[in-house]
């Protein structure tokens, strides 16, 4: 996805969605994204979530780069690319991108890349932990499991 800061400079967003849980695992924001950046994002996610069987991606230059494909191949991760001009082949991500555009990007003016990063990350966390999803029975894909501090203080103490 693309957006712009108030001064007209581009912002590129690399969105990573788990197709099974519908959770948005990452939104990397930068002026430009290269294969090395994609590798860094995937490596960080794989430390947390493990190595996926496959990654479905568009045909952006950072995603079809030999460097990224070689790195994924060494890990045993297959790459599945959508046919250019066929967004329905990547339905979960396209649906997510539409929500991100409608619910955040169309209503915000970003003055700096840092501001865009912070607001987009806040929206991603809200999307994953609070926002209801119709495909998940109106539950969020990764609800917060921590009890608010007030609830912890009001619990009976163990003897």
N, C-alpha and C. Protein backbone atom coordinates (compact mmCIF):
# COMPACT_ATOMS: atom_id res chain seq x y z
N UNK A 1 0.85 -1.18 0.00
CA UNK A 1 0.00 0.00 0.00
C UNK A 1 0.89 1.23 0.00
N UNK A 2 0.30 2.32 -0.48
CA UNK A 2 1.00 3.59 -0.49
C UNK A 2 0.15 4.67 0.15
N UNK A 3 0.79 5.65 0.73
CA UNK A 3 0.16 6.87 1.20
C UNK A 3 1.20 7.97 1.04
N UNK A 4 0.92 9.15 1.54
CA UNK A 4 1.86 10.27 1.45
C UNK A 4 1.82 11.08 2.74
N UNK A 5 2.95 11.67 3.06
CA UNK A 5 2.97 12.64 4.15
C UNK A 5 2.47 13.97 3.59
N UNK A 6 2.19 14.91 4.47
CA UNK A 6 1.63 16.20 4.09
C UNK A 6 2.49 16.92 3.04
N UNK A 7 3.79 16.69 3.06
CA UNK A 7 4.68 17.35 2.11
C UNK A 7 4.74 16.64 0.76
N UNK A 8 3.90 15.61 0.57
CA UNK A 8 3.83 14.91 -0.71
C UNK A 8 4.79 13.75 -0.86
N UNK A 9 5.64 13.52 0.14
CA UNK A 9 6.59 12.41 0.05
C UNK A 9 5.88 11.08 0.30
N UNK A 10 6.30 10.03 -0.42
CA UNK A 10 5.59 8.74 -0.32
C UNK A 10 5.86 8.01 0.99
N UNK A 11 4.85 7.23 1.39
CA UNK A 11 4.97 6.27 2.49
C UNK A 11 4.55 4.94 1.89
N UNK A 12 5.38 3.94 2.04
CA UNK A 12 5.03 2.61 1.57
C UNK A 12 4.74 1.74 2.79
N UNK A 13 3.71 0.93 2.71
CA UNK A 13 3.32 0.05 3.81
C UNK A 13 3.42 -1.40 3.34
N UNK A 14 4.19 -2.20 4.07
CA UNK A 14 4.27 -3.64 3.83
C UNK A 14 3.40 -4.30 4.89
N UNK A 15 2.28 -4.85 4.46
CA UNK A 15 1.31 -5.44 5.37
C UNK A 15 1.49 -6.96 5.37
N UNK A 16 1.54 -7.54 6.58
CA UNK A 16 1.66 -9.00 6.71
C UNK A 16 0.45 -9.48 7.51
N UNK A 17 -0.37 -10.32 6.86
CA UNK A 17 -1.60 -10.86 7.46
C UNK A 17 -1.45 -12.37 7.59
N UNK A 18 -1.90 -12.93 8.73
CA UNK A 18 -2.01 -14.37 8.89
C UNK A 18 -3.38 -14.77 8.33
N UNK A 19 -3.38 -15.52 7.24
CA UNK A 19 -4.64 -15.87 6.59
C UNK A 19 -5.54 -16.74 7.46
N UNK A 20 -4.96 -17.51 8.36
CA UNK A 20 -5.77 -18.40 9.19
C UNK A 20 -6.46 -17.64 10.32
N UNK A 21 -5.69 -16.85 11.06
CA UNK A 21 -6.26 -16.14 12.22
C UNK A 21 -6.84 -14.78 11.86
N UNK A 22 -6.52 -14.26 10.68
CA UNK A 22 -6.89 -12.91 10.23
C UNK A 22 -6.14 -11.82 10.99
N UNK A 23 -5.17 -12.19 11.77
CA UNK A 23 -4.40 -11.21 12.55
C UNK A 23 -3.41 -10.49 11.63
N UNK A 24 -3.31 -9.18 11.81
CA UNK A 24 -2.29 -8.41 11.11
C UNK A 24 -1.01 -8.52 11.94
N UNK A 25 -0.03 -9.23 11.41
CA UNK A 25 1.20 -9.48 12.15
C UNK A 25 2.14 -8.28 12.12
N UNK A 26 2.10 -7.50 11.05
CA UNK A 26 3.00 -6.35 10.95
C UNK A 26 2.51 -5.40 9.87
N UNK A 27 2.80 -4.13 10.06
CA UNK A 27 2.69 -3.12 9.00
C UNK A 27 3.99 -2.34 9.06
N UNK A 28 4.89 -2.64 8.15
CA UNK A 28 6.18 -1.95 8.08
C UNK A 28 5.99 -0.69 7.25
N UNK A 29 6.31 0.46 7.82
CA UNK A 29 6.16 1.73 7.12
C UNK A 29 7.53 2.32 6.84
N UNK A 30 7.73 2.77 5.62
CA UNK A 30 9.01 3.35 5.23
C UNK A 30 8.80 4.19 3.97
N UNK A 31 9.80 4.97 3.63
CA UNK A 31 9.73 5.73 2.37
C UNK A 31 9.84 4.79 1.18
N UNK A 32 10.68 3.76 1.31
CA UNK A 32 10.77 2.71 0.29
C UNK A 32 11.11 1.41 1.02
N UNK A 33 10.70 0.31 0.41
CA UNK A 33 10.93 -0.99 1.03
C UNK A 33 11.68 -1.85 0.02
N UNK A 34 12.81 -2.37 0.46
CA UNK A 34 13.64 -3.22 -0.39
C UNK A 34 13.58 -4.65 0.15
N UNK A 35 14.20 -5.57 -0.59
CA UNK A 35 14.21 -6.98 -0.19
C UNK A 35 14.79 -7.15 1.21
N UNK A 36 15.86 -6.42 1.54
CA UNK A 36 16.47 -6.53 2.87
C UNK A 36 15.46 -6.15 3.95
N UNK A 37 14.64 -5.12 3.70
CA UNK A 37 13.63 -4.71 4.67
C UNK A 37 12.58 -5.81 4.85
N UNK A 38 12.15 -6.42 3.74
CA UNK A 38 11.18 -7.51 3.81
C UNK A 38 11.76 -8.68 4.59
N UNK A 39 13.03 -9.01 4.35
CA UNK A 39 13.68 -10.09 5.09
C UNK A 39 13.70 -9.77 6.58
N UNK A 40 14.04 -8.53 6.93
CA UNK A 40 14.06 -8.14 8.35
C UNK A 40 12.69 -8.30 9.00
N UNK A 41 11.63 -7.86 8.30
CA UNK A 41 10.27 -7.98 8.84
C UNK A 41 9.91 -9.46 9.02
N UNK A 42 10.14 -10.26 7.99
CA UNK A 42 9.80 -11.69 8.08
C UNK A 42 10.63 -12.40 9.15
N UNK A 43 11.91 -12.06 9.26
CA UNK A 43 12.77 -12.70 10.27
C UNK A 43 12.25 -12.40 11.67
N UNK A 44 11.88 -11.15 11.92
CA UNK A 44 11.33 -10.80 13.24
C UNK A 44 10.05 -11.57 13.52
N UNK A 45 9.17 -11.68 12.53
CA UNK A 45 7.91 -12.40 12.71
C UNK A 45 8.15 -13.90 12.91
N UNK A 46 9.12 -14.44 12.21
CA UNK A 46 9.40 -15.88 12.33
C UNK A 46 9.99 -16.23 13.69
N UNK A 47 10.69 -15.31 14.31
CA UNK A 47 11.18 -15.56 15.67
C UNK A 47 10.01 -15.74 16.63
N UNK A 48 8.94 -15.02 16.41
CA UNK A 48 7.78 -15.07 17.29
C UNK A 48 6.81 -16.19 16.90
N UNK A 49 6.51 -16.29 15.60
CA UNK A 49 5.43 -17.17 15.13
C UNK A 49 5.91 -18.45 14.47
N UNK A 50 7.21 -18.59 14.26
CA UNK A 50 7.72 -19.76 13.57
C UNK A 50 7.81 -19.53 12.06
N UNK A 51 8.40 -20.49 11.38
CA UNK A 51 8.60 -20.39 9.93
C UNK A 51 7.35 -20.90 9.23
N UNK A 52 6.75 -20.07 8.36
CA UNK A 52 5.53 -20.51 7.68
C UNK A 52 5.82 -21.47 6.53
N UNK A 53 4.82 -22.24 6.19
CA UNK A 53 4.94 -23.16 5.05
C UNK A 53 5.06 -22.37 3.75
N UNK A 54 4.26 -21.29 3.64
CA UNK A 54 4.31 -20.47 2.45
C UNK A 54 3.97 -19.02 2.79
N UNK A 55 4.35 -18.15 1.89
CA UNK A 55 4.01 -16.72 1.99
C UNK A 55 3.37 -16.34 0.66
N UNK A 56 2.16 -15.78 0.74
CA UNK A 56 1.47 -15.30 -0.46
C UNK A 56 1.76 -13.80 -0.56
N UNK A 57 2.14 -13.35 -1.74
CA UNK A 57 2.52 -11.95 -1.88
C UNK A 57 2.12 -11.42 -3.26
N UNK A 58 2.10 -10.09 -3.33
CA UNK A 58 1.92 -9.46 -4.63
C UNK A 58 3.27 -9.51 -5.37
N UNK A 59 3.35 -8.87 -6.48
CA UNK A 59 4.55 -8.93 -7.30
C UNK A 59 5.39 -7.66 -7.18
N UNK A 60 5.34 -7.02 -6.00
CA UNK A 60 6.17 -5.85 -5.77
C UNK A 60 7.64 -6.24 -5.85
N UNK A 61 8.49 -5.30 -6.25
CA UNK A 61 9.91 -5.64 -6.45
C UNK A 61 10.58 -6.22 -5.22
N UNK A 62 10.21 -5.75 -4.03
CA UNK A 62 10.83 -6.29 -2.82
C UNK A 62 10.39 -7.72 -2.54
N UNK A 63 9.21 -8.11 -3.04
CA UNK A 63 8.70 -9.45 -2.76
C UNK A 63 9.15 -10.49 -3.80
N UNK A 64 9.50 -10.05 -4.99
CA UNK A 64 9.96 -10.99 -6.01
C UNK A 64 11.48 -11.00 -6.14
N UNK A 65 12.16 -10.22 -5.32
CA UNK A 65 13.61 -10.12 -5.39
C UNK A 65 14.26 -11.49 -5.16
N UNK A 66 15.31 -11.76 -5.92
CA UNK A 66 16.03 -13.04 -5.78
C UNK A 66 16.55 -13.22 -4.36
N UNK A 67 17.00 -12.13 -3.76
CA UNK A 67 17.56 -12.22 -2.40
C UNK A 67 16.52 -12.74 -1.41
N UNK A 68 15.29 -12.21 -1.48
CA UNK A 68 14.22 -12.66 -0.59
C UNK A 68 13.83 -14.10 -0.90
N UNK A 69 13.65 -14.42 -2.17
CA UNK A 69 13.24 -15.78 -2.54
C UNK A 69 14.30 -16.81 -2.13
N UNK A 70 15.56 -16.47 -2.28
CA UNK A 70 16.65 -17.37 -1.88
C UNK A 70 16.63 -17.57 -0.37
N UNK A 71 16.46 -16.49 0.38
CA UNK A 71 16.43 -16.58 1.85
C UNK A 71 15.25 -17.44 2.31
N UNK A 72 14.07 -17.20 1.74
CA UNK A 72 12.90 -18.01 2.11
C UNK A 72 13.10 -19.48 1.71
N UNK A 73 13.70 -19.70 0.55
CA UNK A 73 13.95 -21.07 0.09
C UNK A 73 14.86 -21.83 1.04
N UNK A 74 15.87 -21.16 1.57
CA UNK A 74 16.77 -21.81 2.54
C UNK A 74 16.02 -22.20 3.81
N UNK A 75 14.96 -21.47 4.13
CA UNK A 75 14.16 -21.79 5.33
C UNK A 75 13.10 -22.84 5.04
N UNK A 76 12.89 -23.15 3.76
CA UNK A 76 11.86 -24.11 3.39
C UNK A 76 10.49 -23.48 3.20
N UNK A 77 10.43 -22.16 3.13
CA UNK A 77 9.17 -21.45 2.94
C UNK A 77 8.94 -21.23 1.44
N UNK A 78 7.80 -21.69 0.96
CA UNK A 78 7.46 -21.51 -0.45
C UNK A 78 6.86 -20.12 -0.65
N UNK A 79 7.06 -19.58 -1.84
CA UNK A 79 6.44 -18.30 -2.18
C UNK A 79 5.31 -18.55 -3.17
N UNK A 80 4.18 -17.92 -2.92
CA UNK A 80 3.02 -18.00 -3.79
C UNK A 80 2.71 -16.56 -4.18
N UNK A 81 2.81 -16.26 -5.47
CA UNK A 81 2.57 -14.90 -5.93
C UNK A 81 1.20 -14.81 -6.59
N UNK A 82 0.49 -13.73 -6.32
CA UNK A 82 -0.79 -13.54 -6.98
C UNK A 82 -0.53 -13.06 -8.41
N UNK A 83 -1.43 -13.39 -9.29
CA UNK A 83 -1.33 -12.96 -10.67
C UNK A 83 -1.53 -11.46 -10.73
N UNK A 84 -0.66 -10.73 -11.43
CA UNK A 84 -0.85 -9.28 -11.53
C UNK A 84 -2.26 -8.94 -12.04
N UNK A 85 -2.87 -7.96 -11.39
CA UNK A 85 -4.23 -7.55 -11.75
C UNK A 85 -5.31 -8.47 -11.23
N UNK A 86 -4.98 -9.35 -10.28
CA UNK A 86 -5.95 -10.31 -9.73
C UNK A 86 -6.00 -10.21 -8.21
N UNK A 87 -6.49 -9.08 -7.68
CA UNK A 87 -6.48 -8.91 -6.22
C UNK A 87 -7.33 -9.94 -5.47
N UNK A 88 -8.30 -10.57 -6.15
CA UNK A 88 -9.13 -11.57 -5.48
C UNK A 88 -8.32 -12.80 -5.07
N UNK A 89 -7.13 -12.98 -5.63
CA UNK A 89 -6.28 -14.09 -5.22
C UNK A 89 -5.63 -13.83 -3.86
N UNK A 90 -5.74 -12.64 -3.37
CA UNK A 90 -5.16 -12.26 -2.08
C UNK A 90 -6.24 -11.56 -1.25
N UNK A 91 -7.39 -12.20 -1.16
CA UNK A 91 -8.58 -11.59 -0.60
C UNK A 91 -8.46 -11.06 0.81
N UNK A 92 -7.82 -11.82 1.71
CA UNK A 92 -7.71 -11.37 3.09
C UNK A 92 -6.93 -10.06 3.17
N UNK A 93 -5.82 -10.02 2.45
CA UNK A 93 -4.99 -8.81 2.50
C UNK A 93 -5.69 -7.64 1.83
N UNK A 94 -6.35 -7.89 0.70
CA UNK A 94 -7.07 -6.80 0.02
C UNK A 94 -8.20 -6.27 0.90
N UNK A 95 -8.90 -7.15 1.59
CA UNK A 95 -9.96 -6.72 2.50
C UNK A 95 -9.37 -5.89 3.64
N UNK A 96 -8.27 -6.37 4.20
CA UNK A 96 -7.60 -5.62 5.26
C UNK A 96 -7.16 -4.25 4.76
N UNK A 97 -6.54 -4.22 3.57
CA UNK A 97 -6.08 -2.95 3.03
C UNK A 97 -7.22 -1.95 2.86
N UNK A 98 -8.38 -2.43 2.44
CA UNK A 98 -9.54 -1.56 2.31
C UNK A 98 -9.98 -0.99 3.65
N UNK A 99 -9.97 -1.83 4.67
CA UNK A 99 -10.33 -1.35 6.01
C UNK A 99 -9.30 -0.34 6.53
N UNK A 100 -8.02 -0.63 6.33
CA UNK A 100 -6.97 0.30 6.74
C UNK A 100 -7.14 1.64 6.04
N UNK A 101 -7.41 1.60 4.74
CA UNK A 101 -7.61 2.84 3.97
C UNK A 101 -8.84 3.59 4.49
N UNK A 102 -9.98 2.89 4.62
CA UNK A 102 -11.23 3.55 5.03
C UNK A 102 -11.20 4.04 6.47
N UNK A 103 -10.65 3.24 7.37
CA UNK A 103 -10.73 3.54 8.80
C UNK A 103 -9.59 4.42 9.32
N UNK A 104 -8.49 4.49 8.58
CA UNK A 104 -7.36 5.29 9.08
C UNK A 104 -6.78 6.22 8.03
N UNK A 105 -6.27 5.67 6.96
CA UNK A 105 -5.48 6.47 6.02
C UNK A 105 -6.28 7.61 5.38
N UNK A 106 -7.55 7.35 5.02
CA UNK A 106 -8.35 8.41 4.40
C UNK A 106 -8.68 9.54 5.36
N UNK A 107 -8.59 9.31 6.66
CA UNK A 107 -8.96 10.33 7.65
C UNK A 107 -7.79 11.00 8.33
N UNK A 108 -6.57 10.63 7.98
CA UNK A 108 -5.39 11.18 8.65
C UNK A 108 -4.50 11.94 7.68
N UNK A 109 -3.88 12.98 8.18
CA UNK A 109 -2.80 13.67 7.48
C UNK A 109 -1.55 13.41 8.29
N UNK A 110 -0.59 12.73 7.69
CA UNK A 110 0.66 12.44 8.37
C UNK A 110 1.66 13.53 8.01
N UNK A 111 2.24 14.15 9.04
CA UNK A 111 3.23 15.20 8.80
C UNK A 111 4.65 14.64 8.72
N UNK A 112 4.87 13.49 9.34
CA UNK A 112 6.18 12.85 9.30
C UNK A 112 6.00 11.34 9.15
N UNK A 113 7.07 10.70 8.72
CA UNK A 113 7.05 9.24 8.63
C UNK A 113 6.88 8.63 10.02
N UNK A 114 7.52 9.21 11.02
CA UNK A 114 7.41 8.71 12.40
C UNK A 114 5.96 8.78 12.89
N UNK A 115 5.28 9.88 12.61
CA UNK A 115 3.88 10.00 13.01
C UNK A 115 3.04 8.93 12.32
N UNK A 116 3.28 8.69 11.04
CA UNK A 116 2.56 7.64 10.32
C UNK A 116 2.81 6.29 10.96
N UNK A 117 4.06 6.01 11.28
CA UNK A 117 4.41 4.72 11.90
C UNK A 117 3.65 4.52 13.22
N UNK A 118 3.65 5.54 14.07
CA UNK A 118 3.01 5.43 15.38
C UNK A 118 1.50 5.24 15.23
N UNK A 119 0.85 6.06 14.41
CA UNK A 119 -0.61 5.97 14.27
C UNK A 119 -1.03 4.68 13.58
N UNK A 120 -0.27 4.24 12.59
CA UNK A 120 -0.59 2.99 11.91
C UNK A 120 -0.42 1.80 12.85
N UNK A 121 0.62 1.83 13.67
CA UNK A 121 0.83 0.73 14.63
C UNK A 121 -0.29 0.72 15.68
N UNK A 122 -0.72 1.89 16.15
CA UNK A 122 -1.84 1.94 17.10
C UNK A 122 -3.09 1.36 16.47
N UNK A 123 -3.34 1.68 15.21
CA UNK A 123 -4.52 1.15 14.53
C UNK A 123 -4.40 -0.37 14.37
N UNK A 124 -3.19 -0.87 14.04
CA UNK A 124 -2.97 -2.31 13.88
C UNK A 124 -3.28 -3.05 15.18
N UNK A 125 -2.82 -2.52 16.30
CA UNK A 125 -3.08 -3.14 17.60
C UNK A 125 -4.58 -3.13 17.89
N UNK A 126 -5.25 -2.03 17.62
CA UNK A 126 -6.71 -1.94 17.80
C UNK A 126 -7.41 -2.97 16.91
N UNK A 127 -7.00 -3.06 15.66
CA UNK A 127 -7.58 -4.01 14.71
C UNK A 127 -7.47 -5.44 15.24
N UNK A 128 -6.31 -5.78 15.80
CA UNK A 128 -6.08 -7.14 16.27
C UNK A 128 -6.75 -7.45 17.60
N UNK A 129 -6.84 -6.48 18.50
CA UNK A 129 -7.23 -6.79 19.87
C UNK A 129 -8.62 -6.32 20.27
N UNK A 130 -9.19 -5.36 19.54
CA UNK A 130 -10.47 -4.79 19.96
C UNK A 130 -11.53 -4.86 18.86
N UNK A 131 -11.16 -4.51 17.66
CA UNK A 131 -12.11 -4.39 16.55
C UNK A 131 -12.77 -5.73 16.24
N UNK A 132 -14.11 -5.80 16.24
CA UNK A 132 -14.78 -7.07 15.93
C UNK A 132 -14.68 -7.41 14.45
N UNK A 133 -14.58 -8.71 14.15
CA UNK A 133 -14.49 -9.20 12.78
C UNK A 133 -15.66 -10.14 12.53
N UNK A 134 -16.45 -9.85 11.51
CA UNK A 134 -17.64 -10.65 11.24
C UNK A 134 -17.27 -12.11 10.94
N UNK A 135 -16.15 -12.35 10.25
CA UNK A 135 -15.73 -13.72 9.91
C UNK A 135 -15.32 -14.52 11.14
N UNK A 136 -15.09 -13.84 12.26
CA UNK A 136 -14.68 -14.51 13.50
C UNK A 136 -15.78 -14.43 14.57
N UNK A 137 -17.02 -14.35 14.14
CA UNK A 137 -18.12 -14.26 15.10
C UNK A 137 -18.11 -12.95 15.88
N UNK A 138 -17.68 -11.90 15.23
CA UNK A 138 -17.60 -10.55 15.82
C UNK A 138 -16.67 -10.48 17.02
N UNK A 139 -15.61 -11.28 16.94
CA UNK A 139 -14.53 -11.21 17.94
C UNK A 139 -13.28 -10.70 17.24
N UNK A 140 -12.37 -10.10 17.96
CA UNK A 140 -11.09 -9.70 17.34
C UNK A 140 -10.21 -10.92 17.15
N UNK A 141 -9.26 -10.88 16.19
CA UNK A 141 -8.42 -12.05 15.95
C UNK A 141 -7.43 -12.36 17.06
N UNK A 142 -7.02 -11.37 17.83
CA UNK A 142 -6.04 -11.60 18.90
C UNK A 142 -6.41 -10.77 20.11
N UNK A 143 -7.52 -11.12 20.78
CA UNK A 143 -7.95 -10.29 21.91
C UNK A 143 -6.90 -10.23 23.01
N UNK A 144 -6.85 -9.10 23.66
CA UNK A 144 -5.92 -8.97 24.78
C UNK A 144 -6.32 -9.94 25.88
N UNK A 145 -5.35 -10.58 26.47
CA UNK A 145 -5.64 -11.57 27.50
C UNK A 145 -5.25 -11.08 28.88
N UNK A 146 -4.69 -9.91 28.97
CA UNK A 146 -4.32 -9.36 30.27
C UNK A 146 -5.52 -8.65 30.89
N UNK A 147 -5.74 -8.86 32.16
CA UNK A 147 -6.81 -8.18 32.87
C UNK A 147 -6.37 -6.76 33.18
N UNK A 148 -7.27 -5.79 33.09
CA UNK A 148 -6.90 -4.43 33.47
C UNK A 148 -6.41 -4.39 34.92
N UNK A 149 -5.55 -3.46 35.23
CA UNK A 149 -4.94 -3.35 36.56
C UNK A 149 -6.01 -3.23 37.64
N UNK A 150 -7.10 -2.51 37.35
CA UNK A 150 -8.16 -2.35 38.36
C UNK A 150 -8.71 -3.72 38.78
N UNK A 151 -8.89 -4.63 37.78
CA UNK A 151 -9.41 -5.96 38.11
C UNK A 151 -8.41 -6.74 38.96
N UNK A 152 -7.15 -6.59 38.68
CA UNK A 152 -6.14 -7.31 39.47
C UNK A 152 -6.14 -6.87 40.92
N UNK A 153 -6.34 -5.57 41.16
CA UNK A 153 -6.31 -5.05 42.53
C UNK A 153 -7.57 -5.43 43.31
N UNK A 154 -8.66 -5.71 42.61
CA UNK A 154 -9.92 -6.05 43.27
C UNK A 154 -10.11 -7.55 43.48
N UNK A 155 -9.11 -8.36 43.11
CA UNK A 155 -9.19 -9.81 43.28
C UNK A 155 -8.99 -10.15 44.76
N UNK A 156 -9.67 -11.18 45.28
CA UNK A 156 -9.41 -11.61 46.67
C UNK A 156 -7.98 -12.14 46.78
N UNK A 157 -7.36 -11.85 47.87
CA UNK A 157 -5.99 -12.29 48.10
C UNK A 157 -5.98 -13.74 48.58
N UNK A 158 -4.99 -14.49 48.08
CA UNK A 158 -4.84 -15.88 48.50
C UNK A 158 -4.34 -15.93 49.94
N UNK A 159 -4.81 -16.93 50.69
CA UNK A 159 -4.40 -17.05 52.10
C UNK A 159 -3.08 -17.72 52.24
